[in-house]
Amino acid sequence: MTRPPPDGTGAPRAPGDGERPVLPAALYEAGLPVDLLTDEQRLVLSELTEEELAVLLDIKSRLDAVEPEVQAHGEIAGGALF
């Protein structure tokens, strides 16, 4: 099943058309580094179905849960402690 792009026109948005694809807020809230992605990668994420987004966020959550403790502290403190 394909959803129309977020602009609502029904036409696929080509990367480099001047506007970056709009991403679901949940991706930012989950801490995914979406600002580092290419426009092509952002386009793929902007077209995820609700179910696909839920799976991606579940996987991210599970990966975060098993992240080494030292790495988590390093990210929070900017690496100042380790």
Protein backbone atom coordinates (compact mmCIF):
# COMPACT_ATOMS: atom_id res chain seq x y z
CA MET A 1 0.00 0.00 0.00
CA THR A 2 1.41 3.38 -0.97
CA ARG A 3 0.49 6.59 0.77
CA PRO A 4 0.49 9.94 -1.02
CA PRO A 5 3.39 12.20 -0.12
CA PRO A 6 2.88 14.58 2.80
CA ASP A 7 2.21 17.53 0.46
CA GLY A 8 -1.12 15.90 -0.47
CA THR A 9 -0.74 16.31 -4.23
CA GLY A 10 -0.50 12.60 -4.93
CA ALA A 11 2.65 13.10 -6.99
CA PRO A 12 5.93 11.68 -5.73
CA ARG A 13 8.35 14.30 -4.56
CA ALA A 14 11.72 14.04 -6.23
CA PRO A 15 14.78 14.63 -4.09
CA GLY A 16 16.28 18.01 -4.79
CA ASP A 17 12.96 19.68 -5.70
CA GLY A 18 13.79 22.49 -3.30
CA GLU A 19 11.92 21.19 -0.27
CA ARG A 20 13.08 18.53 2.15
CA PRO A 21 10.54 15.77 2.77
CA VAL A 22 8.58 16.24 5.99
CA LEU A 23 9.23 13.51 8.53
CA PRO A 24 6.97 12.25 11.30
CA ALA A 25 7.69 13.96 14.62
CA ALA A 26 8.00 10.52 16.24
CA LEU A 27 11.32 9.99 14.44
CA TYR A 28 12.76 13.11 16.06
CA GLU A 29 11.24 12.23 19.44
CA ALA A 30 12.85 8.77 19.27
CA GLY A 31 16.24 10.39 18.85
CA LEU A 32 16.91 9.16 15.33
CA PRO A 33 19.58 11.31 13.64
CA VAL A 34 17.24 12.35 10.83
CA ASP A 35 19.01 15.65 10.22
CA LEU A 36 22.04 13.70 9.01
CA LEU A 37 20.09 11.83 6.33
CA THR A 38 20.14 12.57 2.63
CA ASP A 39 17.00 13.89 0.95
CA GLU A 40 16.54 10.48 -0.66
CA GLN A 41 16.65 8.76 2.73
CA ARG A 42 14.27 11.35 4.20
CA LEU A 43 11.87 10.70 1.32
CA VAL A 44 11.82 6.98 2.13
CA LEU A 45 11.08 7.71 5.80
CA SER A 46 8.42 10.29 4.95
CA GLU A 47 6.51 7.64 2.99
CA LEU A 48 6.41 5.01 5.76
CA THR A 49 3.02 3.62 6.62
CA GLU A 50 1.82 3.80 10.24
CA GLU A 51 2.69 0.12 10.64
CA GLU A 52 6.19 0.56 9.20
CA LEU A 53 6.83 3.54 11.44
CA ALA A 54 5.71 1.54 14.49
CA VAL A 55 8.11 -1.30 13.59
CA LEU A 56 11.01 1.11 13.07
CA LEU A 57 10.38 2.82 16.40
CA ASP A 58 10.04 -0.53 18.18
CA ILE A 59 13.38 -1.70 16.78
CA LYS A 60 15.02 1.60 17.79
CA SER A 61 13.60 1.24 21.30
CA ARG A 62 14.92 -2.32 21.64
CA LEU A 63 18.36 -1.32 20.37
CA ASP A 64 18.46 1.57 22.84
CA ALA A 65 17.53 -0.81 25.68
CA VAL A 66 20.65 -2.92 25.11
CA GLU A 67 23.00 -0.03 24.43
CA PRO A 68 26.11 -0.16 26.61
CA GLU A 69 25.82 2.03 29.70
CA VAL A 70 29.11 3.82 29.05
CA GLN A 71 27.97 4.82 25.58
CA ALA A 72 24.74 6.25 26.96
CA HIS A 73 26.62 8.33 29.53
CA GLY A 74 29.00 9.56 26.87
CA GLU A 75 26.14 10.78 24.73
CA ILE A 76 24.34 12.47 27.61
CA ALA A 77 27.43 14.23 28.97
CA GLY A 78 28.91 14.90 25.58
CA GLY A 79 31.76 12.52 26.27
CA ALA A 80 33.04 14.68 29.15
CA LEU A 81 32.92 11.84 31.69
CA PHE A 82 34.61 9.14 29.63
